[in-house]
């Protein structure tokens, strides 16, 4: 979808025709002026929204730094904004992820953690799976003493259809290693990310 005529065995022409079919199914006329370029725009947008399928998140973590003066305390990157799409309704999921780990001799550039979140988010997702995938990736590549991931997101499949409940967010978390085994380490992480927002309004 990035300039190629064919992507995953589907031509751009076929993808654009699929959008026209959906427009007709919705009751629209895809030949009217305002919609003429919509199929092209949607296919281009899909190339951006789902670029995570072409990325290898583990590759982002392979370059690490060992010269950190023996630092082995908690590292947290919070409020990593992301946009994803639910695999059930293809509706947007908008949220933020908080990632923490206890290094085991190696640390990674903080931008790489954000890239890992993006790479998994830019796929069709279920929030629980997204949370686990981020943790699995960090755990398998960095082999830290512990990793923690909290994801807080709003699902448009719930706010724009079905029960139509706005302002509802879903929180998922996974705690591995020291974060699971040591309550004080887990509490320190949760205080850092301030998931309940107690400090944000101060």
N, C-alpha and C. Protein backbone atom coordinates (compact mmCIF):
# COMPACT_ATOMS: atom_id res chain seq x y z
N UNK A 1 0.81 -1.20 0.00
CA UNK A 1 0.00 0.00 0.00
C UNK A 1 0.85 1.25 0.00
N UNK A 2 2.15 1.11 0.09
CA UNK A 2 3.05 2.25 0.06
C UNK A 2 3.65 2.36 -1.33
N UNK A 3 2.83 2.65 -2.35
CA UNK A 3 3.34 2.83 -3.69
C UNK A 3 3.33 1.56 -4.50
N UNK A 4 3.13 0.40 -3.90
CA UNK A 4 3.07 -0.85 -4.65
C UNK A 4 1.67 -1.06 -5.18
N UNK A 5 1.58 -1.66 -6.36
CA UNK A 5 0.27 -1.90 -6.95
C UNK A 5 -0.41 -3.08 -6.28
N UNK A 6 0.39 -3.97 -5.64
CA UNK A 6 -0.18 -5.13 -4.98
C UNK A 6 0.38 -5.23 -3.57
N UNK A 7 -0.47 -5.58 -2.64
CA UNK A 7 -0.07 -5.69 -1.23
C UNK A 7 -0.74 -6.91 -0.64
N UNK A 8 0.06 -7.86 -0.17
CA UNK A 8 -0.48 -9.10 0.41
C UNK A 8 -1.43 -9.81 -0.55
N UNK A 9 -1.08 -9.78 -1.83
CA UNK A 9 -1.88 -10.49 -2.82
C UNK A 9 -3.13 -9.76 -3.26
N UNK A 10 -3.33 -8.52 -2.81
CA UNK A 10 -4.51 -7.73 -3.20
C UNK A 10 -4.03 -6.50 -3.95
N UNK A 11 -4.57 -6.27 -5.12
CA UNK A 11 -4.16 -5.09 -5.88
C UNK A 11 -4.82 -3.85 -5.31
N UNK A 12 -4.20 -2.71 -5.56
CA UNK A 12 -4.77 -1.44 -5.13
C UNK A 12 -6.14 -1.22 -5.76
N UNK A 13 -6.27 -1.62 -7.02
CA UNK A 13 -7.56 -1.47 -7.73
C UNK A 13 -8.65 -2.25 -7.01
N UNK A 14 -8.34 -3.49 -6.60
CA UNK A 14 -9.32 -4.32 -5.89
C UNK A 14 -9.68 -3.71 -4.54
N UNK A 15 -8.68 -3.19 -3.84
CA UNK A 15 -8.92 -2.58 -2.54
C UNK A 15 -9.83 -1.36 -2.68
N UNK A 16 -9.55 -0.54 -3.68
CA UNK A 16 -10.39 0.65 -3.89
C UNK A 16 -11.81 0.25 -4.28
N UNK A 17 -11.97 -0.81 -5.05
CA UNK A 17 -13.30 -1.27 -5.43
C UNK A 17 -14.07 -1.77 -4.20
N UNK A 18 -13.36 -2.38 -3.27
CA UNK A 18 -14.00 -2.84 -2.04
C UNK A 18 -14.57 -1.66 -1.26
N UNK A 19 -13.87 -0.55 -1.26
CA UNK A 19 -14.37 0.66 -0.57
C UNK A 19 -15.62 1.16 -1.29
N UNK A 20 -15.61 1.15 -2.61
CA UNK A 20 -16.81 1.59 -3.37
C UNK A 20 -18.01 0.70 -3.04
N UNK A 21 -17.77 -0.60 -2.91
CA UNK A 21 -18.86 -1.52 -2.58
C UNK A 21 -19.44 -1.18 -1.21
N UNK A 22 -18.59 -0.89 -0.23
CA UNK A 22 -19.07 -0.52 1.11
C UNK A 22 -19.84 0.79 1.06
N UNK A 23 -19.37 1.73 0.27
CA UNK A 23 -20.10 3.00 0.12
C UNK A 23 -21.49 2.76 -0.45
N UNK A 24 -21.59 1.90 -1.46
CA UNK A 24 -22.91 1.59 -2.04
C UNK A 24 -23.78 0.88 -1.02
N UNK A 25 -23.18 -0.06 -0.26
CA UNK A 25 -23.94 -0.80 0.74
C UNK A 25 -24.50 0.14 1.80
N UNK A 26 -23.73 1.20 2.12
CA UNK A 26 -24.18 2.17 3.13
C UNK A 26 -25.28 3.08 2.60
N UNK A 27 -25.50 3.07 1.29
CA UNK A 27 -26.55 3.90 0.70
C UNK A 27 -26.03 5.09 -0.07
N UNK A 28 -24.72 5.16 -0.28
CA UNK A 28 -24.11 6.28 -0.97
C UNK A 28 -23.89 5.99 -2.46
N UNK A 29 -23.57 7.03 -3.18
CA UNK A 29 -23.22 6.92 -4.59
C UNK A 29 -21.73 7.23 -4.72
N UNK A 30 -20.88 6.21 -4.90
CA UNK A 30 -19.44 6.44 -4.94
C UNK A 30 -18.97 7.25 -6.15
N UNK A 31 -19.91 7.51 -7.09
CA UNK A 31 -19.51 8.29 -8.27
C UNK A 31 -19.78 9.79 -8.10
N UNK A 32 -20.41 10.17 -6.98
CA UNK A 32 -20.64 11.61 -6.80
C UNK A 32 -19.32 12.30 -6.48
N UNK A 33 -19.26 13.60 -6.78
CA UNK A 33 -18.00 14.34 -6.73
C UNK A 33 -17.26 14.20 -5.39
N UNK A 34 -17.98 14.33 -4.28
CA UNK A 34 -17.33 14.31 -2.98
C UNK A 34 -16.72 12.97 -2.61
N UNK A 35 -17.16 11.90 -3.28
CA UNK A 35 -16.67 10.57 -2.95
C UNK A 35 -15.76 9.95 -4.00
N UNK A 36 -15.52 10.67 -5.08
CA UNK A 36 -14.72 10.10 -6.17
C UNK A 36 -13.34 9.63 -5.71
N UNK A 37 -12.68 10.42 -4.88
CA UNK A 37 -11.33 10.08 -4.44
C UNK A 37 -11.30 9.36 -3.09
N UNK A 38 -12.47 9.11 -2.50
CA UNK A 38 -12.52 8.47 -1.19
C UNK A 38 -11.88 7.08 -1.19
N UNK A 39 -12.15 6.22 -2.16
CA UNK A 39 -11.51 4.90 -2.14
C UNK A 39 -9.98 5.00 -2.13
N UNK A 40 -9.44 5.92 -2.90
CA UNK A 40 -7.99 6.10 -2.94
C UNK A 40 -7.47 6.57 -1.58
N UNK A 41 -8.21 7.49 -0.96
CA UNK A 41 -7.80 8.01 0.35
C UNK A 41 -7.88 6.93 1.43
N UNK A 42 -8.94 6.12 1.38
CA UNK A 42 -9.11 5.07 2.39
C UNK A 42 -7.99 4.04 2.28
N UNK A 43 -7.65 3.64 1.07
CA UNK A 43 -6.58 2.66 0.88
C UNK A 43 -5.25 3.23 1.37
N UNK A 44 -5.02 4.50 1.11
CA UNK A 44 -3.80 5.14 1.60
C UNK A 44 -3.80 5.20 3.13
N UNK A 45 -4.95 5.52 3.71
CA UNK A 45 -5.06 5.57 5.17
C UNK A 45 -4.80 4.20 5.78
N UNK A 46 -5.30 3.15 5.13
CA UNK A 46 -5.06 1.79 5.64
C UNK A 46 -3.56 1.49 5.66
N UNK A 47 -2.84 1.99 4.68
CA UNK A 47 -1.40 1.79 4.65
C UNK A 47 -0.72 2.38 5.88
N UNK A 48 -1.26 3.48 6.39
CA UNK A 48 -0.73 4.12 7.59
C UNK A 48 -1.24 3.44 8.85
N UNK A 49 -2.56 3.27 8.92
CA UNK A 49 -3.17 2.69 10.13
C UNK A 49 -2.64 1.30 10.45
N UNK A 50 -2.35 0.52 9.42
CA UNK A 50 -1.96 -0.88 9.63
C UNK A 50 -0.53 -1.16 9.19
N UNK A 51 0.30 -0.14 9.31
CA UNK A 51 1.72 -0.29 8.95
C UNK A 51 2.46 -1.23 9.89
N UNK A 52 1.86 -1.53 11.04
CA UNK A 52 2.51 -2.41 12.01
C UNK A 52 2.75 -3.81 11.50
N UNK A 53 1.95 -4.25 10.51
CA UNK A 53 2.15 -5.60 9.97
C UNK A 53 3.48 -5.72 9.23
N UNK A 54 3.99 -4.61 8.75
CA UNK A 54 5.25 -4.64 8.00
C UNK A 54 6.45 -4.39 8.90
N UNK A 55 6.22 -4.22 10.21
CA UNK A 55 7.31 -3.91 11.14
C UNK A 55 7.60 -5.10 12.03
N UNK A 56 8.86 -5.19 12.46
CA UNK A 56 9.28 -6.21 13.42
C UNK A 56 9.59 -5.49 14.73
N UNK A 57 8.67 -5.49 15.68
CA UNK A 57 8.88 -4.75 16.94
C UNK A 57 10.15 -5.17 17.67
N UNK A 58 10.50 -6.44 17.60
CA UNK A 58 11.69 -6.92 18.31
C UNK A 58 12.96 -6.26 17.79
N UNK A 59 12.96 -5.92 16.51
CA UNK A 59 14.15 -5.31 15.92
C UNK A 59 14.45 -3.95 16.55
N UNK A 60 13.41 -3.26 17.03
CA UNK A 60 13.61 -1.95 17.65
C UNK A 60 14.40 -2.06 18.96
N UNK A 61 14.33 -3.22 19.61
CA UNK A 61 14.95 -3.37 20.92
C UNK A 61 16.33 -4.03 20.87
N UNK A 62 16.77 -4.39 19.68
CA UNK A 62 18.01 -5.16 19.59
C UNK A 62 19.26 -4.32 19.85
N UNK A 63 19.19 -3.02 19.64
CA UNK A 63 20.34 -2.17 19.96
C UNK A 63 20.18 -1.65 21.38
N UNK A 64 21.00 -2.17 22.27
CA UNK A 64 20.92 -1.78 23.68
C UNK A 64 22.23 -1.15 24.13
N UNK A 65 22.17 -0.57 25.33
CA UNK A 65 23.33 0.10 25.91
C UNK A 65 23.68 -0.55 27.24
N UNK A 66 24.94 -0.89 27.40
CA UNK A 66 25.38 -1.52 28.64
C UNK A 66 26.14 -0.56 29.55
N UNK A 67 26.61 0.55 29.00
CA UNK A 67 27.37 1.51 29.80
C UNK A 67 26.42 2.49 30.48
N UNK A 68 25.80 2.02 31.54
CA UNK A 68 24.81 2.84 32.26
C UNK A 68 25.21 2.98 33.73
N UNK A 69 26.50 2.87 34.00
CA UNK A 69 27.05 3.05 35.36
C UNK A 69 26.37 2.14 36.37
N UNK A 70 26.00 0.96 35.93
CA UNK A 70 25.40 -0.01 36.85
C UNK A 70 23.96 0.27 37.21
N UNK A 71 23.29 1.16 36.50
CA UNK A 71 21.90 1.49 36.82
C UNK A 71 21.02 0.25 36.67
N UNK A 72 20.30 -0.08 37.73
CA UNK A 72 19.45 -1.26 37.67
C UNK A 72 18.08 -1.01 38.33
N UNK A 73 17.72 0.26 38.42
CA UNK A 73 16.43 0.60 39.01
C UNK A 73 15.35 0.72 37.92
N UNK A 74 14.16 0.99 38.38
CA UNK A 74 13.00 1.04 37.50
C UNK A 74 13.13 2.09 36.40
N UNK A 75 12.79 1.70 35.18
CA UNK A 75 12.71 2.62 34.04
C UNK A 75 11.27 2.60 33.56
N UNK A 76 10.65 3.77 33.47
CA UNK A 76 9.24 3.86 33.08
C UNK A 76 9.06 4.90 31.98
N UNK A 77 8.34 4.52 30.97
CA UNK A 77 7.91 5.45 29.92
C UNK A 77 6.40 5.47 29.97
N UNK A 78 5.84 6.62 30.34
CA UNK A 78 4.40 6.67 30.50
C UNK A 78 3.76 7.58 29.45
N UNK A 79 2.45 7.41 29.32
CA UNK A 79 1.65 8.25 28.41
C UNK A 79 2.11 8.13 26.96
N UNK A 80 2.35 6.92 26.49
CA UNK A 80 2.67 6.69 25.09
C UNK A 80 1.33 6.65 24.34
N UNK A 81 1.01 7.73 23.65
CA UNK A 81 -0.26 7.79 22.93
C UNK A 81 -0.24 6.84 21.74
N UNK A 82 -1.36 6.20 21.49
CA UNK A 82 -1.44 5.31 20.33
C UNK A 82 -2.86 5.32 19.76
N UNK A 83 -2.94 4.92 18.50
CA UNK A 83 -4.23 4.71 17.84
C UNK A 83 -4.20 3.31 17.26
N UNK A 84 -5.25 2.56 17.50
CA UNK A 84 -5.35 1.21 16.97
C UNK A 84 -6.76 1.01 16.42
N UNK A 85 -7.06 -0.20 15.99
CA UNK A 85 -8.41 -0.53 15.52
C UNK A 85 -8.79 -1.90 16.07
N UNK A 86 -10.02 -2.02 16.55
CA UNK A 86 -10.45 -3.29 17.10
C UNK A 86 -10.72 -4.27 15.96
N UNK A 87 -10.36 -5.52 16.20
CA UNK A 87 -10.50 -6.52 15.15
C UNK A 87 -11.93 -7.01 15.00
N UNK A 88 -12.81 -6.62 15.91
CA UNK A 88 -14.20 -7.08 15.83
C UNK A 88 -15.07 -6.18 14.95
N UNK A 89 -14.86 -4.87 15.04
CA UNK A 89 -15.68 -3.94 14.27
C UNK A 89 -14.86 -3.00 13.40
N UNK A 90 -13.53 -3.12 13.45
CA UNK A 90 -12.63 -2.25 12.69
C UNK A 90 -12.79 -0.80 13.11
N UNK A 91 -13.24 -0.58 14.35
CA UNK A 91 -13.43 0.77 14.87
C UNK A 91 -12.18 1.21 15.63
N UNK A 92 -11.94 2.53 15.69
CA UNK A 92 -10.72 3.01 16.36
C UNK A 92 -10.69 2.70 17.86
N UNK A 93 -9.48 2.46 18.33
CA UNK A 93 -9.16 2.37 19.76
C UNK A 93 -8.13 3.46 20.01
N UNK A 94 -8.46 4.41 20.87
CA UNK A 94 -7.57 5.53 21.15
C UNK A 94 -7.14 5.46 22.61
N UNK A 95 -5.83 5.47 22.83
CA UNK A 95 -5.42 5.34 24.23
C UNK A 95 -3.97 5.70 24.47
N UNK A 96 -3.50 5.26 25.62
CA UNK A 96 -2.11 5.50 26.01
C UNK A 96 -1.60 4.27 26.73
N UNK A 97 -0.33 4.02 26.55
CA UNK A 97 0.31 2.88 27.19
C UNK A 97 1.39 3.37 28.13
N UNK A 98 1.57 2.64 29.21
CA UNK A 98 2.63 2.92 30.17
C UNK A 98 3.49 1.65 30.24
N UNK A 99 4.78 1.81 30.06
CA UNK A 99 5.68 0.67 30.01
C UNK A 99 6.81 0.85 31.02
N UNK A 100 7.08 -0.18 31.79
CA UNK A 100 8.18 -0.13 32.74
C UNK A 100 8.96 -1.42 32.75
N UNK A 101 10.25 -1.33 33.02
CA UNK A 101 11.04 -2.55 33.16
C UNK A 101 12.20 -2.32 34.11
N UNK A 102 12.67 -3.41 34.68
CA UNK A 102 13.83 -3.41 35.57
C UNK A 102 14.99 -4.01 34.78
N UNK A 103 15.95 -3.18 34.37
CA UNK A 103 17.03 -3.67 33.48
C UNK A 103 17.90 -4.72 34.14
N UNK A 104 18.40 -5.58 33.31
CA UNK A 104 19.29 -6.63 33.75
C UNK A 104 20.63 -6.46 33.04
N UNK A 105 21.22 -5.28 33.22
CA UNK A 105 22.51 -4.98 32.60
C UNK A 105 22.42 -4.25 31.28
N UNK A 106 21.23 -4.23 30.66
CA UNK A 106 21.08 -3.57 29.37
C UNK A 106 19.85 -2.67 29.39
N UNK A 107 19.98 -1.50 28.77
CA UNK A 107 18.83 -0.61 28.61
C UNK A 107 18.69 -0.29 27.13
N UNK A 108 17.52 0.19 26.78
CA UNK A 108 17.23 0.52 25.38
C UNK A 108 16.81 1.98 25.29
N UNK A 109 17.05 2.62 24.15
CA UNK A 109 16.61 3.99 23.96
C UNK A 109 15.11 4.11 24.14
N UNK A 110 14.68 5.16 24.83
CA UNK A 110 13.25 5.27 25.18
C UNK A 110 12.34 5.37 23.96
N UNK A 111 12.85 5.96 22.87
CA UNK A 111 12.01 6.06 21.67
C UNK A 111 11.68 4.68 21.12
N UNK A 112 12.56 3.71 21.38
CA UNK A 112 12.33 2.35 20.87
C UNK A 112 11.15 1.70 21.57
N UNK A 113 10.95 2.01 22.85
CA UNK A 113 9.79 1.47 23.56
C UNK A 113 8.50 2.00 22.94
N UNK A 114 8.50 3.29 22.60
CA UNK A 114 7.33 3.88 21.96
C UNK A 114 7.08 3.24 20.60
N UNK A 115 8.15 2.92 19.88
CA UNK A 115 8.01 2.28 18.57
C UNK A 115 7.42 0.88 18.69
N UNK A 116 7.78 0.18 19.75
CA UNK A 116 7.21 -1.15 19.97
C UNK A 116 5.70 -1.05 20.17
N UNK A 117 5.27 -0.08 20.99
CA UNK A 117 3.84 0.13 21.21
C UNK A 117 3.15 0.42 19.89
N UNK A 118 3.71 1.33 19.09
CA UNK A 118 3.10 1.69 17.81
C UNK A 118 3.03 0.51 16.85
N UNK A 119 4.09 -0.27 16.79
CA UNK A 119 4.12 -1.39 15.85
C UNK A 119 3.01 -2.39 16.11
N UNK A 120 2.73 -2.65 17.39
CA UNK A 120 1.64 -3.57 17.71
C UNK A 120 0.27 -2.89 17.61
N UNK A 121 0.22 -1.60 17.94
CA UNK A 121 -1.06 -0.89 17.88
C UNK A 121 -1.54 -0.73 16.44
N UNK A 122 -0.62 -0.59 15.50
CA UNK A 122 -1.00 -0.38 14.10
C UNK A 122 -1.30 -1.70 13.40
N UNK A 123 -2.11 -2.48 14.07
CA UNK A 123 -2.63 -3.75 13.56
C UNK A 123 -4.06 -3.87 14.09
N UNK A 124 -4.85 -4.76 13.53
CA UNK A 124 -6.15 -5.03 14.14
C UNK A 124 -5.90 -5.67 15.49
N UNK A 125 -6.57 -5.16 16.53
CA UNK A 125 -6.20 -5.54 17.87
C UNK A 125 -7.39 -5.85 18.78
N UNK A 126 -7.06 -6.56 19.84
CA UNK A 126 -7.86 -6.69 21.05
C UNK A 126 -6.97 -6.13 22.14
N UNK A 127 -7.50 -5.28 23.00
CA UNK A 127 -6.63 -4.58 23.96
C UNK A 127 -5.85 -5.53 24.85
N UNK A 128 -6.48 -6.60 25.27
CA UNK A 128 -5.77 -7.56 26.12
C UNK A 128 -4.56 -8.14 25.39
N UNK A 129 -4.75 -8.44 24.11
CA UNK A 129 -3.65 -9.00 23.32
C UNK A 129 -2.55 -7.96 23.11
N UNK A 130 -2.94 -6.72 22.83
CA UNK A 130 -1.98 -5.64 22.65
C UNK A 130 -1.09 -5.49 23.89
N UNK A 131 -1.71 -5.52 25.06
CA UNK A 131 -0.97 -5.39 26.32
C UNK A 131 0.05 -6.51 26.47
N UNK A 132 -0.39 -7.73 26.20
CA UNK A 132 0.50 -8.89 26.35
C UNK A 132 1.61 -8.88 25.30
N UNK A 133 1.30 -8.47 24.08
CA UNK A 133 2.31 -8.47 23.01
C UNK A 133 3.45 -7.50 23.32
N UNK A 134 3.11 -6.33 23.85
CA UNK A 134 4.14 -5.35 24.20
C UNK A 134 5.05 -5.93 25.28
N UNK A 135 4.44 -6.53 26.31
CA UNK A 135 5.23 -7.11 27.40
C UNK A 135 6.08 -8.28 26.91
N UNK A 136 5.49 -9.14 26.09
CA UNK A 136 6.22 -10.30 25.55
C UNK A 136 7.46 -9.87 24.79
N UNK A 137 7.31 -8.83 23.97
CA UNK A 137 8.41 -8.35 23.14
C UNK A 137 9.56 -7.85 24.01
N UNK A 138 9.24 -7.01 24.99
CA UNK A 138 10.28 -6.45 25.87
C UNK A 138 10.94 -7.56 26.67
N UNK A 139 10.13 -8.49 27.16
CA UNK A 139 10.66 -9.57 27.98
C UNK A 139 11.59 -10.48 27.18
N UNK A 140 11.21 -10.80 25.95
CA UNK A 140 12.00 -11.75 25.18
C UNK A 140 13.30 -11.16 24.65
N UNK A 141 13.32 -9.85 24.34
CA UNK A 141 14.52 -9.25 23.76
C UNK A 141 15.46 -8.70 24.83
N UNK A 142 14.92 -7.97 25.80
CA UNK A 142 15.78 -7.35 26.82
C UNK A 142 16.08 -8.27 27.99
N UNK A 143 15.29 -9.32 28.16
CA UNK A 143 15.37 -10.22 29.33
C UNK A 143 15.59 -9.44 30.63
N UNK A 144 14.70 -8.51 30.94
CA UNK A 144 14.84 -7.72 32.17
C UNK A 144 14.44 -8.56 33.38
N UNK A 145 14.68 -8.00 34.56
CA UNK A 145 14.26 -8.68 35.79
C UNK A 145 12.75 -8.60 35.98
N UNK A 146 12.14 -7.70 35.26
CA UNK A 146 10.69 -7.58 35.30
C UNK A 146 10.22 -6.59 34.27
N UNK A 147 8.99 -6.76 33.82
CA UNK A 147 8.39 -5.82 32.87
C UNK A 147 6.92 -5.63 33.25
N UNK A 148 6.45 -4.39 33.11
CA UNK A 148 5.05 -4.06 33.42
C UNK A 148 4.49 -3.20 32.30
N UNK A 149 3.26 -3.50 31.90
CA UNK A 149 2.59 -2.72 30.86
C UNK A 149 1.15 -2.46 31.31
N UNK A 150 0.74 -1.21 31.24
CA UNK A 150 -0.65 -0.83 31.49
C UNK A 150 -1.15 -0.07 30.26
N UNK A 151 -2.31 -0.46 29.76
CA UNK A 151 -2.91 0.20 28.61
C UNK A 151 -4.28 0.74 29.03
N UNK A 152 -4.51 2.01 28.74
CA UNK A 152 -5.76 2.69 29.09
C UNK A 152 -6.33 3.27 27.79
N UNK A 153 -7.48 2.78 27.34
CA UNK A 153 -7.97 3.18 26.02
C UNK A 153 -9.48 3.26 25.95
N UNK A 154 -9.96 4.07 25.01
CA UNK A 154 -11.38 4.17 24.70
C UNK A 154 -11.65 3.46 23.38
N UNK A 155 -12.72 2.70 23.34
CA UNK A 155 -13.06 1.90 22.17
C UNK A 155 -14.26 2.52 21.45
N UNK A 156 -14.04 2.95 20.23
CA UNK A 156 -15.11 3.61 19.48
C UNK A 156 -16.23 2.64 19.09
N UNK A 157 -15.95 1.33 19.11
CA UNK A 157 -17.02 0.37 18.84
C UNK A 157 -18.05 0.39 19.96
N UNK A 158 -17.66 0.92 21.12
CA UNK A 158 -18.59 1.03 22.25
C UNK A 158 -19.22 2.41 22.33
N UNK A 159 -18.50 3.43 21.89
CA UNK A 159 -19.02 4.80 22.01
C UNK A 159 -19.86 5.23 20.82
N UNK A 160 -19.64 4.63 19.64
CA UNK A 160 -20.34 5.09 18.44
C UNK A 160 -21.38 4.10 17.94
N UNK A 161 -21.46 2.93 18.57
CA UNK A 161 -22.44 1.93 18.16
C UNK A 161 -22.83 1.12 19.40
N UNK A 162 -23.75 0.19 19.23
CA UNK A 162 -24.13 -0.68 20.35
C UNK A 162 -24.68 0.09 21.53
N UNK A 163 -23.97 0.03 22.66
CA UNK A 163 -24.49 0.65 23.88
C UNK A 163 -24.29 2.16 23.92
N UNK A 164 -23.49 2.71 23.02
CA UNK A 164 -23.27 4.16 22.93
C UNK A 164 -22.89 4.78 24.28
N UNK A 165 -21.92 4.23 24.93
CA UNK A 165 -21.46 4.77 26.21
C UNK A 165 -20.19 5.56 26.01
N UNK A 166 -20.28 6.87 26.19
CA UNK A 166 -19.12 7.74 26.00
C UNK A 166 -18.36 7.93 27.32
N UNK A 167 -17.09 8.25 27.20
CA UNK A 167 -16.28 8.53 28.37
C UNK A 167 -15.84 7.31 29.15
N UNK A 168 -16.09 6.13 28.60
CA UNK A 168 -15.70 4.89 29.26
C UNK A 168 -14.36 4.44 28.71
N UNK A 169 -13.41 4.19 29.59
CA UNK A 169 -12.12 3.67 29.14
C UNK A 169 -11.90 2.30 29.75
N UNK A 170 -11.10 1.52 29.05
CA UNK A 170 -10.78 0.18 29.51
C UNK A 170 -9.30 0.14 29.90
N UNK A 171 -9.00 -0.46 31.02
CA UNK A 171 -7.62 -0.56 31.49
C UNK A 171 -7.23 -2.03 31.57
N UNK A 172 -6.12 -2.35 30.94
CA UNK A 172 -5.56 -3.70 31.02
C UNK A 172 -4.13 -3.59 31.49
N UNK A 173 -3.66 -4.62 32.17
CA UNK A 173 -2.28 -4.60 32.66
C UNK A 173 -1.70 -5.99 32.66
N UNK A 174 -0.40 -6.05 32.55
CA UNK A 174 0.32 -7.31 32.75
C UNK A 174 1.58 -7.01 33.53
N UNK A 175 1.87 -7.84 34.50
CA UNK A 175 3.04 -7.69 35.36
C UNK A 175 3.86 -8.98 35.28
N UNK A 176 5.12 -8.82 34.95
CA UNK A 176 5.99 -9.98 34.80
C UNK A 176 7.19 -9.87 35.75
N UNK A 177 7.74 -11.01 36.13
CA UNK A 177 8.95 -11.03 36.94
C UNK A 177 8.78 -10.30 38.26
N UNK A 178 9.69 -9.35 38.52
CA UNK A 178 9.70 -8.64 39.80
C UNK A 178 8.41 -7.86 40.04
N UNK A 179 7.74 -7.43 38.98
CA UNK A 179 6.50 -6.67 39.15
C UNK A 179 5.37 -7.57 39.65
N UNK A 180 5.43 -8.83 39.28
CA UNK A 180 4.43 -9.79 39.75
C UNK A 180 4.79 -10.29 41.15
N UNK A 181 6.08 -10.52 41.37
CA UNK A 181 6.52 -11.15 42.61
C UNK A 181 6.70 -10.20 43.78
N UNK A 182 6.97 -8.92 43.47
CA UNK A 182 7.28 -7.96 44.53
C UNK A 182 6.24 -6.85 44.57
N UNK A 183 5.36 -6.85 45.58
CA UNK A 183 4.30 -5.83 45.65
C UNK A 183 4.84 -4.40 45.69
N UNK A 184 5.98 -4.17 46.33
CA UNK A 184 6.51 -2.80 46.41
C UNK A 184 6.99 -2.32 45.05
N UNK A 185 7.57 -3.21 44.25
CA UNK A 185 8.00 -2.84 42.89
C UNK A 185 6.78 -2.52 42.03
N UNK A 186 5.75 -3.34 42.16
CA UNK A 186 4.52 -3.11 41.40
C UNK A 186 3.89 -1.79 41.79
N UNK A 187 3.84 -1.50 43.09
CA UNK A 187 3.25 -0.26 43.58
C UNK A 187 4.05 0.96 43.10
N UNK A 188 5.38 0.83 43.10
CA UNK A 188 6.21 1.93 42.62
C UNK A 188 5.90 2.25 41.16
N UNK A 189 5.74 1.22 40.34
CA UNK A 189 5.40 1.43 38.93
C UNK A 189 4.04 2.11 38.80
N UNK A 190 3.05 1.61 39.52
CA UNK A 190 1.71 2.18 39.43
C UNK A 190 1.67 3.62 39.92
N UNK A 191 2.50 3.96 40.88
CA UNK A 191 2.59 5.35 41.34
C UNK A 191 3.22 6.22 40.25
N UNK A 192 4.24 5.69 39.60
CA UNK A 192 4.90 6.44 38.53
C UNK A 192 3.92 6.77 37.39
N UNK A 193 3.11 5.80 37.01
CA UNK A 193 2.22 6.02 35.87
C UNK A 193 0.94 6.74 36.30
N UNK A 194 0.67 6.78 37.61
CA UNK A 194 -0.47 7.54 38.13
C UNK A 194 -1.73 7.22 37.37
N UNK A 195 -2.04 5.93 37.27
CA UNK A 195 -3.14 5.48 36.43
C UNK A 195 -4.49 6.02 36.87
N UNK A 196 -4.62 6.36 38.18
CA UNK A 196 -5.91 6.88 38.63
C UNK A 196 -6.06 8.37 38.43
N UNK A 197 -4.98 9.01 37.94
CA UNK A 197 -5.06 10.44 37.63
C UNK A 197 -5.03 11.34 38.83
N UNK A 198 -4.66 10.84 40.01
CA UNK A 198 -4.71 11.65 41.22
C UNK A 198 -3.76 12.84 41.17
N UNK A 199 -2.63 12.67 40.45
CA UNK A 199 -1.67 13.78 40.38
C UNK A 199 -1.89 14.67 39.16
N UNK A 200 -2.61 14.14 38.16
CA UNK A 200 -2.74 14.87 36.91
C UNK A 200 -3.57 16.15 37.06
N UNK A 201 -4.53 16.09 37.96
CA UNK A 201 -5.38 17.26 38.11
C UNK A 201 -4.84 18.26 39.11
N UNK A 202 -3.71 17.92 39.75
CA UNK A 202 -3.17 18.78 40.79
C UNK A 202 -2.52 20.02 40.21
